[in-house]
Protein backbone atom coordinates (compact mmCIF):
# COMPACT_ATOMS: atom_id res chain seq x y z
CA MET A 1 41.30 124.67 11.28
CA LYS A 2 40.56 128.18 12.52
CA LYS A 3 37.42 129.30 14.32
CA ILE A 4 36.35 132.43 12.50
CA VAL A 5 33.47 134.88 12.88
CA VAL A 6 32.28 136.77 9.79
CA ALA A 7 30.10 139.76 10.66
CA GLY A 8 27.93 140.91 7.77
CA ALA A 9 27.86 137.38 6.36
CA GLY A 10 24.48 137.91 4.72
CA GLY A 11 25.87 140.66 2.51
CA PHE A 12 27.56 140.50 -0.86
CA ILE A 13 31.21 140.36 0.20
CA GLY A 14 30.47 138.52 3.43
CA GLY A 15 28.68 135.71 1.63
CA HIS A 16 31.63 135.14 -0.69
CA LEU A 17 34.09 135.28 2.22
CA VAL A 18 32.19 132.72 4.29
CA LYS A 19 32.05 130.39 1.30
CA GLU A 20 35.82 130.65 0.80
CA LEU A 21 36.69 130.20 4.49
CA VAL A 22 34.43 127.14 4.77
CA LYS A 23 35.98 125.72 1.60
CA LYS A 24 39.40 125.96 3.27
CA GLY A 25 38.19 123.81 6.16
CA ASN A 26 37.65 126.49 8.78
CA ARG A 27 34.92 126.49 11.36
CA VAL A 28 32.92 129.61 10.53
CA ARG A 29 30.24 131.48 12.44
CA ALA A 30 28.32 133.62 9.97
CA VAL A 31 26.39 136.54 11.50
CA ASP A 32 24.00 139.07 9.99
CA LEU A 33 21.02 141.20 10.97
CA LYS A 34 18.85 140.02 8.07
CA PRO A 35 16.67 136.90 8.22
CA LEU A 36 18.47 133.93 6.69
CA ASN A 37 16.19 133.86 3.64
CA GLU A 38 17.39 137.38 2.76
CA TRP A 39 21.10 136.54 2.79
CA TYR A 40 22.75 136.75 -0.62
CA GLN A 41 24.50 133.42 -0.05
CA VAL A 42 24.08 130.85 2.72
CA SER A 43 26.74 128.26 3.50
CA ASP A 44 25.04 125.39 5.30
CA GLU A 45 28.37 124.26 6.77
CA ALA A 46 28.63 127.50 8.77
CA ASP A 47 26.98 128.32 12.08
CA ASN A 48 24.53 130.90 10.71
CA LEU A 49 23.17 133.38 13.28
CA MET A 50 20.75 136.27 12.93
CA LEU A 51 21.97 138.92 15.38
CA ASP A 52 21.83 142.71 15.54
CA LEU A 53 25.50 143.52 16.14
CA ARG A 54 24.73 147.11 17.03
CA LEU A 55 23.85 145.64 20.43
CA ARG A 56 26.80 144.93 22.71
CA GLU A 57 25.48 141.67 24.14
CA ASN A 58 25.06 140.21 20.66
CA CYS A 59 28.68 140.95 19.80
CA TYR A 60 29.83 139.00 22.85
CA ARG A 61 27.56 136.14 21.86
CA ALA A 62 28.94 136.20 18.31
CA VAL A 63 32.67 136.07 19.14
CA ASN A 64 32.70 133.98 22.31
CA GLY A 65 34.66 130.76 21.78
CA TYR A 66 36.14 131.85 18.44
CA ASN A 67 39.64 133.02 17.49
CA GLU A 68 39.31 135.53 14.65
CA VAL A 69 36.83 138.17 13.46
CA PHE A 70 36.23 139.60 10.00
CA ASN A 71 34.01 142.66 10.42
CA LEU A 72 32.23 143.45 7.15
CA ALA A 73 28.95 144.49 8.79
CA ALA A 74 27.56 147.95 8.00
CA ASP A 75 24.40 149.70 6.88
CA MET A 76 25.53 150.78 3.43
CA GLY A 77 24.92 150.75 -0.30
CA GLY A 78 25.76 152.67 -3.43
CA MET A 79 26.03 156.44 -3.70
CA GLY A 80 22.26 156.92 -3.78
CA PHE A 81 21.93 155.22 -0.39
CA ILE A 82 25.02 156.82 1.18
CA GLU A 83 24.04 160.37 0.28
CA ASN A 84 20.49 159.98 1.56
CA ASN A 85 21.10 157.93 4.73
CA LYS A 86 24.00 159.60 6.51
CA ALA A 87 22.72 159.00 10.04
CA ALA A 88 21.97 155.33 9.36
CA CYS A 89 25.49 154.90 7.98
CA MET A 90 27.04 156.48 11.06
CA ILE A 91 25.11 154.25 13.44
CA SER A 92 27.21 151.37 12.09
CA VAL A 93 29.96 152.66 14.39
CA LEU A 94 28.19 150.73 17.14
CA ILE A 95 28.94 147.46 15.35
CA ASN A 96 32.68 147.98 15.21
CA THR A 97 32.80 149.47 18.72
CA HIS A 98 31.03 146.55 20.34
CA LEU A 99 32.84 143.92 18.24
CA LEU A 100 36.20 145.37 19.27
CA LEU A 101 35.21 145.38 22.95
CA ALA A 102 33.95 141.81 22.72
CA SER A 103 37.08 140.73 20.82
CA LYS A 104 39.34 142.27 23.47
CA ASP A 105 37.45 140.67 26.34
CA CYS A 106 37.02 137.25 24.69
CA GLY A 107 40.64 136.83 23.63
CA ILE A 108 40.26 137.15 19.86
CA ASP A 109 43.63 136.69 18.12
CA ARG A 110 43.04 138.73 14.95
CA PHE A 111 40.46 141.31 13.90
CA PHE A 112 39.86 142.52 10.32
CA TYR A 113 37.94 145.71 9.59
CA ALA A 114 36.47 146.48 6.17
CA SER A 115 36.91 150.19 5.59
CA SER A 116 36.27 152.16 2.41
CA ALA A 117 37.77 154.57 -0.09
CA CYS A 118 35.08 156.95 1.18
CA VAL A 119 37.51 157.86 3.99
CA TYR A 120 39.66 159.87 1.56
CA ASN A 121 39.85 163.64 1.56
CA GLY A 122 37.21 164.98 -0.82
CA ASP A 123 39.46 167.81 -2.01
CA LYS A 124 41.75 165.19 -3.54
CA GLN A 125 38.91 163.77 -5.66
CA THR A 126 37.75 166.76 -7.70
CA ASP A 127 39.57 165.80 -10.93
CA PRO A 128 38.23 162.94 -13.10
CA HIS A 129 41.87 162.26 -14.08
CA ASN A 130 42.65 161.26 -10.50
CA PRO A 131 46.19 159.80 -10.38
CA GLY A 132 45.20 157.46 -7.57
CA LEU A 133 44.55 157.89 -3.86
CA LYS A 134 47.48 157.01 -1.63
CA GLU A 135 46.81 155.75 1.88
CA SER A 136 48.20 159.01 3.28
CA ASP A 137 45.51 160.97 1.41
CA ALA A 138 43.01 160.22 4.17
CA TYR A 139 44.57 163.07 6.14
CA PRO A 140 43.98 165.91 6.70
CA ALA A 141 40.55 164.38 7.13
CA LEU A 142 37.66 165.39 4.88
CA ALA A 143 35.85 162.09 4.44
CA GLU A 144 32.57 161.34 2.65
CA ASP A 145 29.86 162.81 4.87
CA GLY A 146 28.26 160.17 7.08
CA TYR A 147 29.54 156.84 5.76
CA GLY A 148 33.13 157.96 5.20
CA TRP A 149 33.47 159.55 8.62
CA GLU A 150 32.14 156.41 10.31
CA LYS A 151 34.72 154.33 8.46
CA LEU A 152 37.57 156.68 9.31
CA PHE A 153 36.62 156.79 12.99
CA SER A 154 36.40 152.99 13.12
CA GLU A 155 39.84 152.72 11.50
CA ARG A 156 41.24 154.83 14.33
CA MET A 157 39.48 152.70 16.89
CA CYS A 158 41.10 149.57 15.45
CA ARG A 159 44.48 151.29 15.69
CA HIS A 160 44.03 152.27 19.32
CA PHE A 161 42.74 148.85 20.36
CA ARG A 162 45.94 147.45 18.85
CA GLU A 163 48.12 150.03 20.59
CA ASP A 164 46.37 150.06 23.98
CA PHE A 165 45.14 146.48 24.35
CA GLY A 166 47.38 144.42 22.07
CA LEU A 167 44.54 143.24 19.83
CA THR A 168 45.95 142.43 16.39
CA THR A 169 43.89 144.52 13.96
CA ARG A 170 44.07 144.80 10.18
CA VAL A 171 42.27 147.35 7.99
CA ALA A 172 41.57 147.37 4.24
CA ARG A 173 40.03 150.26 2.33
CA PHE A 174 37.73 148.76 -0.29
CA HIS A 175 37.35 150.44 -3.68
CA ASN A 176 34.00 149.60 -5.35
CA VAL A 177 33.64 145.83 -5.14
CA TYR A 178 31.38 144.13 -7.70
CA GLY A 179 30.44 140.66 -8.91
CA PRO A 180 27.70 138.00 -8.84
CA TYR A 181 25.48 137.42 -5.81
CA GLY A 182 25.24 141.10 -4.96
CA THR A 183 22.65 143.87 -4.83
CA PHE A 184 21.46 144.97 -8.26
CA ASP A 185 18.21 146.80 -7.49
CA GLY A 186 16.30 148.42 -4.66
CA GLY A 187 18.45 151.51 -4.18
CA ARG A 188 21.56 150.04 -2.52
CA GLU A 189 23.24 148.77 -5.69
CA LYS A 190 26.52 150.22 -6.98
CA ALA A 191 27.32 151.40 -10.49
CA PRO A 192 28.42 148.09 -12.13
CA ALA A 193 25.28 146.28 -10.98
CA ALA A 194 22.94 149.23 -11.57
CA ILE A 195 24.18 149.80 -15.12
CA SER A 196 24.03 146.09 -15.91
CA ARG A 197 20.43 145.92 -14.71
CA LYS A 198 19.41 149.01 -16.66
CA VAL A 199 20.95 147.69 -19.89
CA ILE A 200 19.30 144.29 -19.41
CA GLU A 201 15.90 145.86 -18.71
CA ALA A 202 16.24 148.10 -21.77
CA GLY A 203 16.78 145.00 -23.90
CA ILE A 204 13.74 143.26 -22.41
CA THR A 205 11.36 146.21 -22.71
CA GLY A 206 12.64 147.43 -26.07
CA LYS A 207 12.94 150.94 -24.65
CA LYS A 208 16.48 151.51 -25.83
CA GLU A 209 17.59 154.18 -23.40
CA ILE A 210 19.49 154.36 -20.12
CA VAL A 211 19.51 156.99 -17.39
CA ILE A 212 23.01 157.76 -16.11
CA TRP A 213 23.58 159.62 -12.85
CA GLY A 214 25.70 162.70 -13.48
CA ASP A 215 27.37 163.55 -16.77
CA GLY A 216 29.09 160.17 -17.09
CA LEU A 217 32.56 161.72 -16.96
CA GLN A 218 33.14 160.96 -13.26
CA THR A 219 35.76 158.23 -12.82
CA ARG A 220 36.14 155.18 -10.58
CA SER A 221 37.99 151.90 -10.32
CA PHE A 222 36.07 148.65 -9.74
CA MET A 223 37.42 145.50 -8.08
CA TYR A 224 36.02 142.06 -8.89
CA ILE A 225 34.91 140.00 -5.90
CA ASP A 226 37.54 137.26 -6.35
CA ASP A 227 40.34 139.82 -6.02
CA CYS A 228 38.61 141.27 -2.98
CA ILE A 229 38.35 137.92 -1.18
CA LYS A 230 42.02 137.15 -1.83
CA GLY A 231 43.05 140.61 -0.65
CA ILE A 232 41.02 140.38 2.56
CA GLN A 233 42.75 137.17 3.58
CA ASP A 234 46.22 138.31 2.53
CA ILE A 235 45.89 141.51 4.55
CA MET A 236 44.35 139.75 7.56
CA TYR A 237 47.28 137.35 7.88
CA SER A 238 49.99 139.89 7.06
CA ASN A 239 52.13 142.05 9.36
CA ILE A 240 50.69 145.26 7.89
CA GLU A 241 49.41 147.45 10.73
CA GLU A 242 48.39 150.51 8.69
CA PRO A 243 45.18 150.77 6.62
CA LEU A 244 45.81 149.51 3.09
CA ASN A 245 44.08 150.18 -0.23
CA LEU A 246 42.29 147.15 -1.64
CA GLY A 247 41.12 148.07 -5.11
CA SER A 248 41.86 147.90 -8.80
CA SER A 249 43.95 150.64 -10.41
CA GLU A 250 42.06 150.24 -13.71
CA MET A 251 40.22 153.56 -13.71
CA VAL A 252 37.30 154.18 -16.08
CA SER A 253 34.65 156.84 -16.50
CA ILE A 254 31.02 155.91 -15.96
CA ASN A 255 30.52 156.41 -19.69
CA GLN A 256 33.26 153.86 -20.34
CA LEU A 257 31.62 151.45 -17.92
CA VAL A 258 28.38 151.80 -19.88
CA ASP A 259 30.36 151.15 -23.10
CA ILE A 260 31.63 147.86 -21.63
CA VAL A 261 28.17 146.71 -20.56
CA GLU A 262 26.64 147.67 -23.93
CA ASP A 263 29.37 145.68 -25.67
CA ILE A 264 28.58 142.65 -23.50
CA ALA A 265 24.85 143.03 -24.22
CA GLY A 266 25.39 143.52 -27.94
CA TYR A 267 23.38 146.72 -28.38
CA LYS A 268 23.67 150.46 -27.85
CA LEU A 269 21.32 152.68 -25.87
CA ASN A 270 20.37 156.34 -25.94
CA ARG A 271 21.92 157.96 -22.88
CA ILE A 272 19.96 160.33 -20.67
CA TYR A 273 22.03 162.17 -18.06
CA ASP A 274 20.40 162.99 -14.73
CA LEU A 275 22.53 165.84 -13.41
CA LYS A 276 20.49 166.11 -10.20
CA ALA A 277 21.04 162.50 -9.12
CA PRO A 278 23.66 161.54 -6.48
CA LYS A 279 27.01 161.17 -8.20
CA GLY A 280 29.68 161.29 -5.49
CA VAL A 281 33.19 162.61 -6.01
CA ARG A 282 34.49 163.58 -9.44
CA GLY A 283 37.41 161.17 -9.63
CA ARG A 284 38.52 158.22 -7.48
CA ASN A 285 41.12 155.55 -8.15
CA SER A 286 43.20 153.16 -6.04
CA GLU A 287 46.94 153.84 -5.84
CA ASN A 288 48.49 150.41 -5.24
CA THR A 289 52.16 151.09 -4.49
CA LEU A 290 51.88 149.92 -0.87
CA ILE A 291 49.95 146.70 -1.46
CA LYS A 292 52.44 145.72 -4.17
CA LYS A 293 55.31 146.54 -1.81
CA TYR A 294 53.91 144.59 1.14
CA LEU A 295 52.17 141.68 -0.59
CA GLY A 296 53.78 141.55 -4.03
CA TRP A 297 50.28 141.57 -5.51
CA GLU A 298 47.41 143.86 -6.45
CA PRO A 299 43.84 143.28 -7.70
CA SER A 300 44.23 142.58 -11.40
CA ILE A 301 41.13 140.87 -12.82
CA PRO A 302 40.25 143.02 -15.89
CA LEU A 303 37.03 145.01 -15.63
CA ARG A 304 35.73 143.60 -18.93
CA LYS A 305 36.19 140.02 -17.68
CA GLY A 306 34.56 140.66 -14.30
CA MET A 307 31.69 142.61 -15.81
CA LYS A 308 30.86 139.74 -18.19
CA LYS A 309 30.41 137.36 -15.24
CA THR A 310 28.46 139.97 -13.30
CA TYR A 311 26.24 140.86 -16.24
CA ASP A 312 25.43 137.21 -16.96
CA TRP A 313 24.40 136.58 -13.34
CA ILE A 314 22.26 139.71 -13.10
CA SER A 315 20.68 138.88 -16.45
CA GLU A 316 19.53 135.52 -15.10
CA GLN A 317 17.97 137.20 -12.06
CA VAL A 318 16.21 139.93 -14.06
CA VAL A 319 14.91 137.56 -16.73
CA ASP A 320 13.64 135.05 -14.16
CA GLU A 321 11.84 137.83 -12.30
CA THR A 322 10.33 139.12 -15.54
CA ARG A 323 9.01 135.66 -16.33
CA ARG A 324 7.44 135.36 -12.91
CA LYS A 325 5.73 138.72 -13.25
CA LYS A 326 4.48 138.20 -16.79
CA GLY A 327 3.82 134.46 -16.53
CA THR A 328 5.54 133.76 -19.84
CA ASN A 329 8.69 132.10 -21.13
CA ARG A 330 9.15 134.24 -24.20
CA PHE A 331 12.30 135.88 -22.92
CA ASN A 332 15.50 133.99 -23.56
CA LYS A 333 18.42 133.94 -21.19
């Protein structure tokens, strides 16, 4: 049994990770800023704490007496949030800074940092036919403004704490994680959840149209949560010291993603393209040569399969909320 701290446990990925670590018999301390009733998932077996980890003293309180730290905590969301909250995203650097200091001083054995594909050089993401971003493409540095720079800086901090203080650190660069028990409305949701919600709402209201941010030709790869949770643990307990891509190499355009969701829903929608909306880089995909070399594995759950599970879960949430608002049971799941 390991004694593990998960920072950001009230979030989408953190909630799934806590659940998996508890299932494996570990003693887990789950920490998040949000009140417990706002966590996406709560594992009663964990020691659940509400702490603001931007504050140094709270980081010491969180890690004291434990052996390992998974840092997934950050103020973040989809492209709409990232582009409009650059300062808030950068303030998350305090979380990783103070967690690293506390981990060094409290004798933490291993430290995992959740980075992002937003660290990659923007000039390498101007073509929708992106061949895939290699780990070396983070330099020369031209990261996503705000969020990406915070992630890149925190990666370097993990490296130097390993080099200077002997703290074992591991870094994974996430590429668009999706799945059930995540954000699907409110402005922080990412494309798979946002498109699923819009298609579901169009079916409920009968207004058969969908607004797509950008021209729909921009490309991404999307990793299902189960692959993400496996990858986090494999990287954490590996000997890989360099930052490593953790993402699917199945690249699709946003239009193709809408096609998949429409196929799941069983109806087509009129597409309205909002060219003024935040849309991020033109093309981004995960190049997985290194993860296959080091781990003999890469995220491989097909997008269509993962989207079906995600769509079904979001549909339940949207329909239940619609019933509550309208006070009727006329909508079928």
